[in-house]
C-alpha atoms as a PDB file:
ATOM      1  CA  UNK A   1      -4.848 -12.613  -4.187  1.00  0.00           C
ATOM      2  CA  UNK A   2      -2.759 -12.060  -7.242  1.00  0.00           C
ATOM      3  CA  UNK A   3      -3.984  -9.573  -9.792  1.00  0.00           C
ATOM      4  CA  UNK A   4      -2.746 -11.566 -12.756  1.00  0.00           C
ATOM      5  CA  UNK A   5      -3.366 -15.203 -12.027  1.00  0.00           C
ATOM      6  CA  UNK A   6      -6.874 -15.412 -13.301  1.00  0.00           C
ATOM      7  CA  UNK A   7      -8.908 -17.215 -15.874  1.00  0.00           C
ATOM      8  CA  UNK A   8     -11.905 -15.736 -17.599  1.00  0.00           C
ATOM      9  CA  UNK A   9     -14.252 -17.209 -15.021  1.00  0.00           C
ATOM     10  CA  UNK A  10     -17.541 -15.526 -15.800  1.00  0.00           C
ATOM     11  CA  UNK A  11     -21.130 -15.806 -14.740  1.00  0.00           C
ATOM     12  CA  UNK A  12     -24.056 -16.122 -17.081  1.00  0.00           C
ATOM     13  CA  UNK A  13     -23.976 -12.391 -17.882  1.00  0.00           C
ATOM     14  CA  UNK A  14     -20.233 -12.018 -18.258  1.00  0.00           C
ATOM     15  CA  UNK A  15     -19.402 -11.101 -14.661  1.00  0.00           C
ATOM     16  CA  UNK A  16     -15.878 -11.896 -13.560  1.00  0.00           C
ATOM     17  CA  UNK A  17     -15.707 -14.439 -10.713  1.00  0.00           C
ATOM     18  CA  UNK A  18     -12.780 -14.599  -8.287  1.00  0.00           C
ATOM     19  CA  UNK A  19     -11.340 -17.986  -7.366  1.00  0.00           C
ATOM     20  CA  UNK A  20     -11.919 -18.974  -3.705  1.00  0.00           C
ATOM     21  CA  UNK A  21      -8.868 -19.469  -1.494  1.00  0.00           C
ATOM     22  CA  UNK A  22      -7.680 -23.088  -1.282  1.00  0.00           C
ATOM     23  CA  UNK A  23      -5.346 -23.146   1.719  1.00  0.00           C
ATOM     24  CA  UNK A  24      -7.216 -21.912   4.774  1.00  0.00           C
ATOM     25  CA  UNK A  25      -5.286 -23.109   7.812  1.00  0.00           C
ATOM     26  CA  UNK A  26      -4.467 -20.411  10.340  1.00  0.00           C
ATOM     27  CA  UNK A  27      -1.623 -19.421  12.625  1.00  0.00           C
ATOM     28  CA  UNK A  28      -3.499 -19.085  15.904  1.00  0.00           C
ATOM     29  CA  UNK A  29      -2.604 -18.199  19.481  1.00  0.00           C
ATOM     30  CA  UNK A  30      -4.813 -21.014  20.783  1.00  0.00           C
ATOM     31  CA  UNK A  31      -3.296 -23.730  18.568  1.00  0.00           C
ATOM     32  CA  UNK A  32      -2.823 -27.034  20.376  1.00  0.00           C
ATOM     33  CA  UNK A  33       0.268 -27.788  18.275  1.00  0.00           C
ATOM     34  CA  UNK A  34       3.692 -27.578  19.892  1.00  0.00           C
ATOM     35  CA  UNK A  35       6.439 -25.294  18.540  1.00  0.00           C
ATOM     36  CA  UNK A  36       8.186 -26.806  15.549  1.00  0.00           C
ATOM     37  CA  UNK A  37       5.259 -29.064  14.740  1.00  0.00           C
ATOM     38  CA  UNK A  38       2.588 -28.873  12.055  1.00  0.00           C
ATOM     39  CA  UNK A  39      -1.015 -27.845  12.642  1.00  0.00           C
ATOM     40  CA  UNK A  40      -3.295 -29.301  15.274  1.00  0.00           C
ATOM     41  CA  UNK A  41      -6.365 -31.309  14.350  1.00  0.00           C
ATOM     42  CA  UNK A  42      -8.283 -28.111  13.622  1.00  0.00           C
ATOM     43  CA  UNK A  43      -5.739 -26.806  11.100  1.00  0.00           C
ATOM     44  CA  UNK A  44      -4.307 -24.250  13.509  1.00  0.00           C
ATOM     45  CA  UNK A  45      -0.556 -23.688  13.470  1.00  0.00           C
ATOM     46  CA  UNK A  46       1.320 -22.396  16.534  1.00  0.00           C
ATOM     47  CA  UNK A  47       2.314 -18.746  16.791  1.00  0.00           C
ATOM     48  CA  UNK A  48       6.077 -18.964  16.577  1.00  0.00           C
ATOM     49  CA  UNK A  49       8.329 -16.009  15.650  1.00  0.00           C
ATOM     50  CA  UNK A  50      10.746 -16.869  12.851  1.00  0.00           C
ATOM     51  CA  UNK A  51       8.680 -19.881  11.772  1.00  0.00           C
ATOM     52  CA  UNK A  52       6.728 -18.399   8.848  1.00  0.00           C
ATOM     53  CA  UNK A  53       7.479 -16.518   5.643  1.00  0.00           C
ATOM     54  CA  UNK A  54       4.980 -14.101   4.094  1.00  0.00           C
ATOM     55  CA  UNK A  55       5.258 -14.236   0.299  1.00  0.00           C
ATOM     56  CA  UNK A  56       3.925 -11.160  -1.491  1.00  0.00           C
ATOM     57  CA  UNK A  57       3.961  -9.192  -4.695  1.00  0.00           C
ATOM     58  CA  UNK A  58       4.348  -5.463  -4.096  1.00  0.00           C
ATOM     59  CA  UNK A  59       2.128  -4.946  -7.135  1.00  0.00           C
ATOM     60  CA  UNK A  60      -0.826  -6.856  -5.690  1.00  0.00           C
ATOM     61  CA  UNK A  61      -3.351  -4.950  -3.548  1.00  0.00           C
ATOM     62  CA  UNK A  62      -4.444  -8.099  -1.690  1.00  0.00           C
ATOM     63  CA  UNK A  63      -0.850  -8.847  -0.678  1.00  0.00           C
ATOM     64  CA  UNK A  64      -0.157  -5.173   0.017  1.00  0.00           C
ATOM     65  CA  UNK A  65      -2.647  -5.293   2.908  1.00  0.00           C
ATOM     66  CA  UNK A  66      -0.484  -7.806   4.768  1.00  0.00           C
ATOM     67  CA  UNK A  67       2.691  -5.822   4.076  1.00  0.00           C
ATOM     68  CA  UNK A  68       1.170  -2.676   5.623  1.00  0.00           C
ATOM     69  CA  UNK A  69      -0.314  -4.466   8.637  1.00  0.00           C
ATOM     70  CA  UNK A  70       2.953  -6.298   9.314  1.00  0.00           C
ATOM     71  CA  UNK A  71       4.763  -2.943   9.248  1.00  0.00           C
ATOM     72  CA  UNK A  72       2.213  -1.087  11.394  1.00  0.00           C
ATOM     73  CA  UNK A  73       2.276  -3.798  14.074  1.00  0.00           C
ATOM     74  CA  UNK A  74       6.058  -4.114  14.144  1.00  0.00           C
ATOM     75  CA  UNK A  75       6.101  -7.779  13.150  1.00  0.00           C
ATOM     76  CA  UNK A  76       9.065  -7.540  10.771  1.00  0.00           C
ATOM     77  CA  UNK A  77      11.325  -9.616  13.050  1.00  0.00           C
ATOM     78  CA  UNK A  78       8.601 -12.152  13.834  1.00  0.00           C
ATOM     79  CA  UNK A  79       7.507 -12.912  10.248  1.00  0.00           C
ATOM     80  CA  UNK A  80       9.964 -12.663   7.366  1.00  0.00           C
ATOM     81  CA  UNK A  81       8.978 -11.238   3.986  1.00  0.00           C
ATOM     82  CA  UNK A  82       9.599 -12.627   0.502  1.00  0.00           C
ATOM     83  CA  UNK A  83       8.884 -10.471  -2.564  1.00  0.00           C
ATOM     84  CA  UNK A  84       8.251 -12.060  -5.947  1.00  0.00           C
ATOM     85  CA  UNK A  85       8.970 -10.526  -9.332  1.00  0.00           C
ATOM     86  CA  UNK A  86       6.017  -8.371 -10.490  1.00  0.00           C
ATOM     87  CA  UNK A  87       6.251  -9.922 -13.961  1.00  0.00           C
ATOM     88  CA  UNK A  88       4.979 -13.490 -14.112  1.00  0.00           C
ATOM     89  CA  UNK A  89       5.705 -15.959 -16.842  1.00  0.00           C
ATOM     90  CA  UNK A  90       3.781 -19.115 -17.749  1.00  0.00           C
ATOM     91  CA  UNK A  91       5.246 -20.864 -14.691  1.00  0.00           C
ATOM     92  CA  UNK A  92       3.831 -18.354 -12.240  1.00  0.00           C
ATOM     93  CA  UNK A  93       5.228 -16.115  -9.517  1.00  0.00           C
ATOM     94  CA  UNK A  94       9.031 -16.133  -9.632  1.00  0.00           C
ATOM     95  CA  UNK A  95      11.726 -15.311  -7.082  1.00  0.00           C
ATOM     96  CA  UNK A  96      13.891 -13.657  -9.728  1.00  0.00           C
ATOM     97  CA  UNK A  97      14.455 -10.575  -7.555  1.00  0.00           C
ATOM     98  CA  UNK A  98      16.652 -12.749  -5.317  1.00  0.00           C
ATOM     99  CA  UNK A  99      20.216 -13.808  -6.045  1.00  0.00           C
ATOM    100  CA  UNK A 100      20.274 -16.931  -8.178  1.00  0.00           C
ATOM    101  CA  UNK A 101      16.534 -16.715  -8.791  1.00  0.00           C
ATOM    102  CA  UNK A 102      15.728 -18.547  -5.531  1.00  0.00           C
ATOM    103  CA  UNK A 103      14.150 -17.387  -2.318  1.00  0.00           C
ATOM    104  CA  UNK A 104      17.058 -17.350   0.146  1.00  0.00           C
ATOM    105  CA  UNK A 105      14.982 -18.811   2.991  1.00  0.00           C
ATOM    106  CA  UNK A 106      12.667 -21.282   1.258  1.00  0.00           C
ATOM    107  CA  UNK A 107      15.177 -22.279  -1.412  1.00  0.00           C
ATOM    108  CA  UNK A 108      12.556 -22.393  -4.167  1.00  0.00           C
ATOM    109  CA  UNK A 109      12.413 -20.696  -7.570  1.00  0.00           C
ATOM    110  CA  UNK A 110       8.627 -20.432  -7.874  1.00  0.00           C
ATOM    111  CA  UNK A 111       5.855 -20.011  -5.337  1.00  0.00           C
ATOM    112  CA  UNK A 112       4.174 -22.887  -7.175  1.00  0.00           C
ATOM    113  CA  UNK A 113       6.889 -25.182  -5.758  1.00  0.00           C
ATOM    114  CA  UNK A 114       5.474 -24.645  -2.246  1.00  0.00           C
ATOM    115  CA  UNK A 115       1.931 -25.233  -3.514  1.00  0.00           C
ATOM    116  CA  UNK A 116       2.942 -28.558  -5.081  1.00  0.00           C
ATOM    117  CA  UNK A 117       4.799 -29.578  -1.921  1.00  0.00           C
ATOM    118  CA  UNK A 118       1.599 -28.964   0.042  1.00  0.00           C
ATOM    119  CA  UNK A 119      -0.897 -30.474  -2.396  1.00  0.00           C
ATOM    120  CA  UNK A 120       0.567 -32.376  -5.376  1.00  0.00           C
ATOM    121  CA  UNK A 121      -2.895 -32.474  -6.974  1.00  0.00           C
ATOM    122  CA  UNK A 122      -3.513 -28.729  -6.760  1.00  0.00           C
ATOM    123  CA  UNK A 123      -4.520 -27.305 -10.149  1.00  0.00           C
ATOM    124  CA  UNK A 124      -5.823 -23.845  -9.213  1.00  0.00           C
ATOM    125  CA  UNK A 125      -4.099 -20.489  -9.451  1.00  0.00           C
ATOM    126  CA  UNK A 126      -1.043 -19.828  -7.318  1.00  0.00           C
ATOM    127  CA  UNK A 127      -1.786 -16.638  -5.408  1.00  0.00           C
ATOM    128  CA  UNK A 128      -0.227 -14.010  -3.192  1.00  0.00           C
ATOM    129  CA  UNK A 129      -0.161 -13.374  -0.326  1.00  0.00           C
ATOM    130  CA  UNK A 130       0.748 -16.817   0.935  1.00  0.00           C
ATOM    131  CA  UNK A 131       2.117 -17.770   4.339  1.00  0.00           C
ATOM    132  CA  UNK A 132       4.697 -20.571   4.083  1.00  0.00           C
ATOM    133  CA  UNK A 133       5.947 -22.720   6.962  1.00  0.00           C
ATOM    134  CA  UNK A 134       9.726 -22.527   6.794  1.00  0.00           C
ATOM    135  CA  UNK A 135      10.172 -25.828   8.670  1.00  0.00           C
ATOM    136  CA  UNK A 136       8.176 -27.984   6.224  1.00  0.00           C
ATOM    137  CA  UNK A 137       8.012 -25.745   3.146  1.00  0.00           C
ATOM    138  CA  UNK A 138       4.213 -26.131   3.139  1.00  0.00           C
ATOM    139  CA  UNK A 139       1.622 -23.452   2.456  1.00  0.00           C
ATOM    140  CA  UNK A 140      -0.188 -22.595   5.663  1.00  0.00           C
ATOM    141  CA  UNK A 141      -2.695 -20.218   4.076  1.00  0.00           C
ATOM    142  CA  UNK A 142      -3.420 -18.096   1.040  1.00  0.00           C
ATOM    143  CA  UNK A 143      -6.608 -16.757   2.656  1.00  0.00           C
ATOM    144  CA  UNK A 144      -5.730 -13.087   2.134  1.00  0.00           C
ATOM    145  CA  UNK A 145      -8.540 -11.457   4.187  1.00  0.00           C
ATOM    146  CA  UNK A 146      -7.814 -13.686   7.167  1.00  0.00           C
ATOM    147  CA  UNK A 147      -4.046 -13.283   6.986  1.00  0.00           C
ATOM    148  CA  UNK A 148      -4.070  -9.574   7.809  1.00  0.00           C
ATOM    149  CA  UNK A 149      -6.749  -9.961  10.490  1.00  0.00           C
ATOM    150  CA  UNK A 150      -4.751 -12.706  12.181  1.00  0.00           C
ATOM    151  CA  UNK A 151      -1.645 -10.536  12.262  1.00  0.00           C
ATOM    152  CA  UNK A 152      -3.674  -8.147  14.426  1.00  0.00           C
ATOM    153  CA  UNK A 153      -5.501 -10.654  16.609  1.00  0.00           C
ATOM    154  CA  UNK A 154      -3.353 -13.797  16.899  1.00  0.00           C
ATOM    155  CA  UNK A 155       0.125 -12.225  17.026  1.00  0.00           C
ATOM    156  CA  UNK A 156      -0.608  -9.647  19.756  1.00  0.00           C
ATOM    157  CA  UNK A 157       2.102 -11.008  22.060  1.00  0.00           C
ATOM    158  CA  UNK A 158       4.686 -10.012  19.457  1.00  0.00           C
ATOM    159  CA  UNK A 159       3.378  -6.582  18.460  1.00  0.00           C
ATOM    160  CA  UNK A 160       5.735  -3.661  18.940  1.00  0.00           C
ATOM    161  CA  UNK A 161       5.090  -1.408  21.937  1.00  0.00           C
ATOM    162  CA  UNK A 162       2.471   1.156  21.044  1.00  0.00           C
ATOM    163  CA  UNK A 163       1.280  -0.751  17.967  1.00  0.00           C
ATOM    164  CA  UNK A 164      -2.183   0.379  16.807  1.00  0.00           C
ATOM    165  CA  UNK A 165      -5.297  -1.653  17.475  1.00  0.00           C
ATOM    166  CA  UNK A 166      -6.367  -2.276  13.890  1.00  0.00           C
ATOM    167  CA  UNK A 167      -9.308  -4.514  14.843  1.00  0.00           C
ATOM    168  CA  UNK A 168     -10.976  -2.838  17.860  1.00  0.00           C
ATOM    169  CA  UNK A 169     -13.572  -5.235  19.210  1.00  0.00           C
ATOM    170  CA  UNK A 170     -16.226  -2.576  20.022  1.00  0.00           C
ATOM    171  CA  UNK A 171     -16.188  -1.498  16.351  1.00  0.00           C
ATOM    172  CA  UNK A 172     -15.781  -4.939  14.821  1.00  0.00           C
ATOM    173  CA  UNK A 173     -19.369  -5.501  13.662  1.00  0.00           C
ATOM    174  CA  UNK A 174     -19.577  -2.102  11.929  1.00  0.00           C
ATOM    175  CA  UNK A 175     -16.060  -2.465  10.568  1.00  0.00           C
ATOM    176  CA  UNK A 176     -16.860  -5.862   9.059  1.00  0.00           C
ATOM    177  CA  UNK A 177     -19.884  -4.370   7.303  1.00  0.00           C
ATOM    178  CA  UNK A 178     -17.842  -1.442   5.951  1.00  0.00           C
ATOM    179  CA  UNK A 179     -15.075  -3.776   4.767  1.00  0.00           C
ATOM    180  CA  UNK A 180     -17.621  -6.056   3.117  1.00  0.00           C
ATOM    181  CA  UNK A 181     -19.065  -3.161   1.128  1.00  0.00           C
ATOM    182  CA  UNK A 182     -15.606  -1.919   0.166  1.00  0.00           C
ATOM    183  CA  UNK A 183     -14.552  -5.395  -0.939  1.00  0.00           C
ATOM    184  CA  UNK A 184     -17.620  -6.016  -3.096  1.00  0.00           C
ATOM    185  CA  UNK A 185     -17.809  -2.637  -4.796  1.00  0.00           C
ATOM    186  CA  UNK A 186     -14.281  -1.203  -4.680  1.00  0.00           C
ATOM    187  CA  UNK A 187     -11.512  -3.753  -3.995  1.00  0.00           C
ATOM    188  CA  UNK A 188     -13.080  -6.401  -6.193  1.00  0.00           C
ATOM    189  CA  UNK A 189     -15.163  -3.880  -8.126  1.00  0.00           C
ATOM    190  CA  UNK A 190     -12.243  -2.534 -10.139  1.00  0.00           C
ATOM    191  CA  UNK A 191     -11.496  -6.086 -11.297  1.00  0.00           C
ATOM    192  CA  UNK A 192     -15.149  -6.666 -12.114  1.00  0.00           C
ATOM    193  CA  UNK A 193     -14.857  -3.660 -14.429  1.00  0.00           C
ATOM    194  CA  UNK A 194     -11.518  -4.591 -15.946  1.00  0.00           C
ATOM    195  CA  UNK A 195     -12.236  -8.273 -16.580  1.00  0.00           C
ATOM    196  CA  UNK A 196     -15.944  -8.050 -17.463  1.00  0.00           C
ATOM    197  CA  UNK A 197     -16.836 -10.142 -20.496  1.00  0.00           C
ATOM    198  CA  UNK A 198     -19.968  -8.200 -21.448  1.00  0.00           C
ATOM    199  CA  UNK A 199     -21.063  -4.579 -21.656  1.00  0.00           C
ATOM    200  CA  UNK A 200     -23.840  -5.267 -19.167  1.00  0.00           C
ATOM    201  CA  UNK A 201     -21.456  -6.741 -16.591  1.00  0.00           C
ATOM    202  CA  UNK A 202     -19.001  -3.876 -17.008  1.00  0.00           C
ATOM    203  CA  UNK A 203     -21.615  -1.155 -16.645  1.00  0.00           C
ATOM    204  CA  UNK A 204     -23.096  -2.763 -13.538  1.00  0.00           C
ATOM    205  CA  UNK A 205     -19.689  -3.039 -11.870  1.00  0.00           C
ATOM    206  CA  UNK A 206     -18.797   0.518 -12.929  1.00  0.00           C
ATOM    207  CA  UNK A 207     -21.950   1.973 -11.364  1.00  0.00           C
ATOM    208  CA  UNK A 208     -21.495   0.023  -8.123  1.00  0.00           C
ATOM    209  CA  UNK A 209     -17.870   1.162  -7.911  1.00  0.00           C
ATOM    210  CA  UNK A 210     -18.584   4.863  -8.253  1.00  0.00           C
ATOM    211  CA  UNK A 211     -21.738   4.741  -6.122  1.00  0.00           C
ATOM    212  CA  UNK A 212     -19.598   3.289  -3.341  1.00  0.00           C
ATOM    213  CA  UNK A 213     -16.805   5.824  -3.857  1.00  0.00           C
ATOM    214  CA  UNK A 214     -19.401   8.611  -3.642  1.00  0.00           C
ATOM    215  CA  UNK A 215     -20.714   7.109  -0.390  1.00  0.00           C
ATOM    216  CA  UNK A 216     -17.174   6.926   0.994  1.00  0.00           C
ATOM    217  CA  UNK A 217     -16.634  10.594   0.062  1.00  0.00           C
ATOM    218  CA  UNK A 218     -19.645  11.420   2.240  1.00  0.00           C
ATOM    219  CA  UNK A 219     -18.579   9.137   5.099  1.00  0.00           C
ATOM    220  CA  UNK A 220     -15.077  10.606   5.240  1.00  0.00           C
ATOM    221  CA  UNK A 221     -16.112  14.236   4.937  1.00  0.00           C
ATOM    222  CA  UNK A 222     -16.355  14.709   8.713  1.00  0.00           C
ATOM    223  CA  UNK A 223     -14.128  11.929  10.075  1.00  0.00           C
ATOM    224  CA  UNK A 224     -10.450  11.385   9.490  1.00  0.00           C
ATOM    225  CA  UNK A 225     -10.610   7.597   9.085  1.00  0.00           C
ATOM    226  CA  UNK A 226     -13.335   5.144   8.150  1.00  0.00           C
ATOM    227  CA  UNK A 227     -14.106   4.166  11.735  1.00  0.00           C
ATOM    228  CA  UNK A 228     -13.441   7.522  13.377  1.00  0.00           C
ATOM    229  CA  UNK A 229     -10.229   8.998  14.755  1.00  0.00           C
ATOM    230  CA  UNK A 230      -7.920   5.988  14.477  1.00  0.00           C
ATOM    231  CA  UNK A 231      -6.615   3.855  11.613  1.00  0.00           C
ATOM    232  CA  UNK A 232      -8.126   0.370  11.384  1.00  0.00           C
ATOM    233  CA  UNK A 233      -7.961  -2.633   9.063  1.00  0.00           C
ATOM    234  CA  UNK A 234     -10.758  -1.014   7.042  1.00  0.00           C
ATOM    235  CA  UNK A 235      -8.489   1.897   6.100  1.00  0.00           C
ATOM    236  CA  UNK A 236      -5.715  -0.472   5.063  1.00  0.00           C
ATOM    237  CA  UNK A 237      -8.086  -2.340   2.745  1.00  0.00           C
ATOM    238  CA  UNK A 238      -9.423   0.784   1.082  1.00  0.00           C
ATOM    239  CA  UNK A 239      -5.983   2.369   0.726  1.00  0.00           C
ATOM    240  CA  UNK A 240      -4.488  -0.462  -1.329  1.00  0.00           C
ATOM    241  CA  UNK A 241      -7.102   0.105  -4.042  1.00  0.00           C
ATOM    242  CA  UNK A 242      -7.025   3.898  -3.880  1.00  0.00           C
ATOM    243  CA  UNK A 243      -3.246   4.074  -4.217  1.00  0.00           C
ATOM    244  CA  UNK A 244      -3.470   2.095  -7.491  1.00  0.00           C
ATOM    245  CA  UNK A 245      -6.506   3.905  -8.848  1.00  0.00           C
ATOM    246  CA  UNK A 246      -5.059   6.624 -11.057  1.00  0.00           C
ATOM    247  CA  UNK A 247      -1.918   4.650 -11.930  1.00  0.00           C
ATOM    248  CA  UNK A 248      -3.763   1.610 -13.286  1.00  0.00           C
ATOM    249  CA  UNK A 249      -7.483   1.207 -12.591  1.00  0.00           C
ATOM    250  CA  UNK A 250      -8.706   4.477 -14.114  1.00  0.00           C
ATOM    251  CA  UNK A 251      -7.389   3.682 -17.592  1.00  0.00           C
ATOM    252  CA  UNK A 252      -6.354   0.036 -17.657  1.00  0.00           C
ATOM    253  CA  UNK A 253      -9.573  -1.241 -16.042  1.00  0.00           C
ATOM    254  CA  UNK A 254     -11.853   1.426 -17.577  1.00  0.00           C
ATOM    255  CA  UNK A 255     -12.806   2.904 -14.182  1.00  0.00           C
ATOM    256  CA  UNK A 256     -12.871   6.340 -15.734  1.00  0.00           C
ATOM    257  CA  UNK A 257     -15.770   8.405 -14.415  1.00  0.00           C
ATOM    258  CA  UNK A 258     -13.320  10.223 -12.159  1.00  0.00           C
ATOM    259  CA  UNK A 259      -9.700  10.000 -11.189  1.00  0.00           C
ATOM    260  CA  UNK A 260      -8.930   9.741  -7.498  1.00  0.00           C
ATOM    261  CA  UNK A 261      -7.410  13.217  -7.728  1.00  0.00           C
ATOM    262  CA  UNK A 262     -10.855  14.496  -8.809  1.00  0.00           C
ATOM    263  CA  UNK A 263     -12.580  13.171  -5.666  1.00  0.00           C
ATOM    264  CA  UNK A 264     -11.469  15.788  -3.124  1.00  0.00           C
ATOM    265  CA  UNK A 265     -12.259  13.968   0.122  1.00  0.00           C
ATOM    266  CA  UNK A 266     -10.938  10.564  -0.926  1.00  0.00           C
ATOM    267  CA  UNK A 267      -7.842  12.133  -2.480  1.00  0.00           C
ATOM    268  CA  UNK A 268      -7.012  13.996   0.743  1.00  0.00           C
ATOM    269  CA  UNK A 269      -7.761  10.840   2.787  1.00  0.00           C
ATOM    270  CA  UNK A 270      -5.510   8.697   0.572  1.00  0.00           C
ATOM    271  CA  UNK A 271      -2.658  11.231   0.856  1.00  0.00           C
ATOM    272  CA  UNK A 272      -3.114  11.300   4.627  1.00  0.00           C
ATOM    273  CA  UNK A 273      -2.618   7.538   4.799  1.00  0.00           C
ATOM    274  CA  UNK A 274       0.217   7.562   2.253  1.00  0.00           C
ATOM    275  CA  UNK A 275       2.116  10.027   4.427  1.00  0.00           C
ATOM    276  CA  UNK A 276       1.544   7.923   7.564  1.00  0.00           C
ATOM    277  CA  UNK A 277       4.502   5.672   8.531  1.00  0.00           C
ATOM    278  CA  UNK A 278       3.764   2.123   7.403  1.00  0.00           C
ATOM    279  CA  UNK A 279       1.848   3.086   4.271  1.00  0.00           C
ATOM    280  CA  UNK A 280       3.754   5.149   1.709  1.00  0.00           C
ATOM    281  CA  UNK A 281       7.074   3.381   2.118  1.00  0.00           C
ATOM    282  CA  UNK A 282       5.399   0.077   1.222  1.00  0.00           C
ATOM    283  CA  UNK A 283       4.129   1.411  -2.139  1.00  0.00           C
ATOM    284  CA  UNK A 284       6.161   0.576  -5.242  1.00  0.00           C
ATOM    285  CA  UNK A 285       4.536   2.335  -8.193  1.00  0.00           C
ATOM    286  CA  UNK A 286       7.088   0.943 -10.633  1.00  0.00           C
ATOM    287  CA  UNK A 287       6.223  -2.661  -9.756  1.00  0.00           C
ATOM    288  CA  UNK A 288       2.502  -1.847  -9.695  1.00  0.00           C
ATOM    289  CA  UNK A 289       2.505  -0.361 -13.193  1.00  0.00           C
ATOM    290  CA  UNK A 290       4.802  -2.958 -14.742  1.00  0.00           C
ATOM    291  CA  UNK A 291       2.714  -5.794 -13.325  1.00  0.00           C
ATOM    292  CA  UNK A 292      -0.665  -4.603 -14.567  1.00  0.00           C
ATOM    293  CA  UNK A 293       0.346  -3.245 -17.946  1.00  0.00           C
ATOM    294  CA  UNK A 294       2.863  -5.957 -18.824  1.00  0.00           C
ATOM    295  CA  UNK A 295       0.948  -9.075 -17.735  1.00  0.00           C
ATOM    296  CA  UNK A 296      -2.633  -8.452 -18.879  1.00  0.00           C
ATOM    297  CA  UNK A 297      -1.915  -9.053 -22.551  1.00  0.00           C
ATOM    298  CA  UNK A 298      -5.596  -9.284 -23.505  1.00  0.00           C
ATOM    299  CA  UNK A 299      -6.209  -5.814 -22.105  1.00  0.00           C
ATOM    300  CA  UNK A 300      -2.884  -4.285 -23.151  1.00  0.00           C
ATOM    301  CA  UNK A 301      -1.459  -6.464 -25.941  1.00  0.00           C
ATOM    302  CA  UNK A 302       1.427  -4.072 -26.698  1.00  0.00           C
ATOM    303  CA  UNK A 303       2.422  -4.174 -23.000  1.00  0.00           C
ATOM    304  CA  UNK A 304       3.340  -0.497 -23.055  1.00  0.00           C
ATOM    305  CA  UNK A 305       3.710   0.884 -19.521  1.00  0.00           C
ATOM    306  CA  UNK A 306       2.544   4.516 -19.241  1.00  0.00           C
ATOM    307  CA  UNK A 307       4.904   7.106 -17.818  1.00  0.00           C
ATOM    308  CA  UNK A 308       2.267   8.928 -15.751  1.00  0.00           C
ATOM    309  CA  UNK A 309       0.673   9.952 -13.545  1.00  0.00           C
ATOM    310  CA  UNK A 310       2.724  12.510 -11.629  1.00  0.00           C
ATOM    311  CA  UNK A 311       3.483  10.744  -8.328  1.00  0.00           C
ATOM    312  CA  UNK A 312       4.894  13.816  -6.563  1.00  0.00           C
ATOM    313  CA  UNK A 313       1.357  14.904  -5.671  1.00  0.00           C
ATOM    314  CA  UNK A 314       1.123  12.085  -3.104  1.00  0.00           C
ATOM    315  CA  UNK A 315       3.303  14.081  -0.746  1.00  0.00           C
ATOM    316  CA  UNK A 316       1.383  17.371  -0.959  1.00  0.00           C
ATOM    317  CA  UNK A 317      -0.464  18.643   2.162  1.00  0.00           C
ATOM    318  CA  UNK A 318      -3.755  16.871   2.840  1.00  0.00           C
ATOM    319  CA  UNK A 319      -5.331  18.994   5.572  1.00  0.00           C
ATOM    320  CA  UNK A 320      -6.959  16.009   7.301  1.00  0.00           C
ATOM    321  CA  UNK A 321      -5.310  16.398  10.698  1.00  0.00           C
ATOM    322  CA  UNK A 322      -7.973  18.915  11.790  1.00  0.00           C
ATOM    323  CA  UNK A 323     -10.547  16.105  11.712  1.00  0.00           C
END
């Protein structure tokens, strides 16, 4: 989900509330729909290489998950990628990085154009990631947690040889619990800090965030990855928050008890992933920083983008291979 398209949706005590996903169809291996057609009666679209376009912002951690998973599984030729401008205007996510300001495949200037083509009455936020059907121009899904899972489970026939098993069935129950805790306290927790509308809400989110980071420090002290000796979807989901932590969340969102670089286990773990093919090359710190600091005018009204931190440290030795 986009990190900028939000309203000040707050609970009774000033907690920030995230908008639910609106388009929740799925591309599924067991779809009854024929190639080239729309979804079956259960909202399941056929798996069809070349049929769908994944629209992302490289600044957005929710979209970044899908970018990493697509790369790890070798699905680049099966599902094309569209990247929006990290700076939104009042009309929403823009394809201004492309020649002529239009996506070369979808032919649209704004992601909102696909949303309106799918549901003319839609009035919610336009979010990334979104999967668009190239044939009809309709939004298949903006259900970001399901998108990355489905790339692992529904697109298996098109994975590259030797692609990792990011959703191992024997570990799925434990992995879902770990991912749920990470989502509530870390992935969404940094936003709960940054967009809190009361001191009480901010302090509660802050404590939950750092309690969870402390617990993850302990969990990762004697294992290389969250689920053991192999990378899973859980690692992808944690990484996209960790890689943004010092660059934006520590200062911009007031998550300032510690920097990531001051948490020795998590810092080594994050560098380990960053230096793994499929992770670091998908990180664009320039777009990340410009997006957060230049679009959250209530938090940063001057829209000054900081020069730091020193990004060269991401490639220093991590020492995790011994685990």
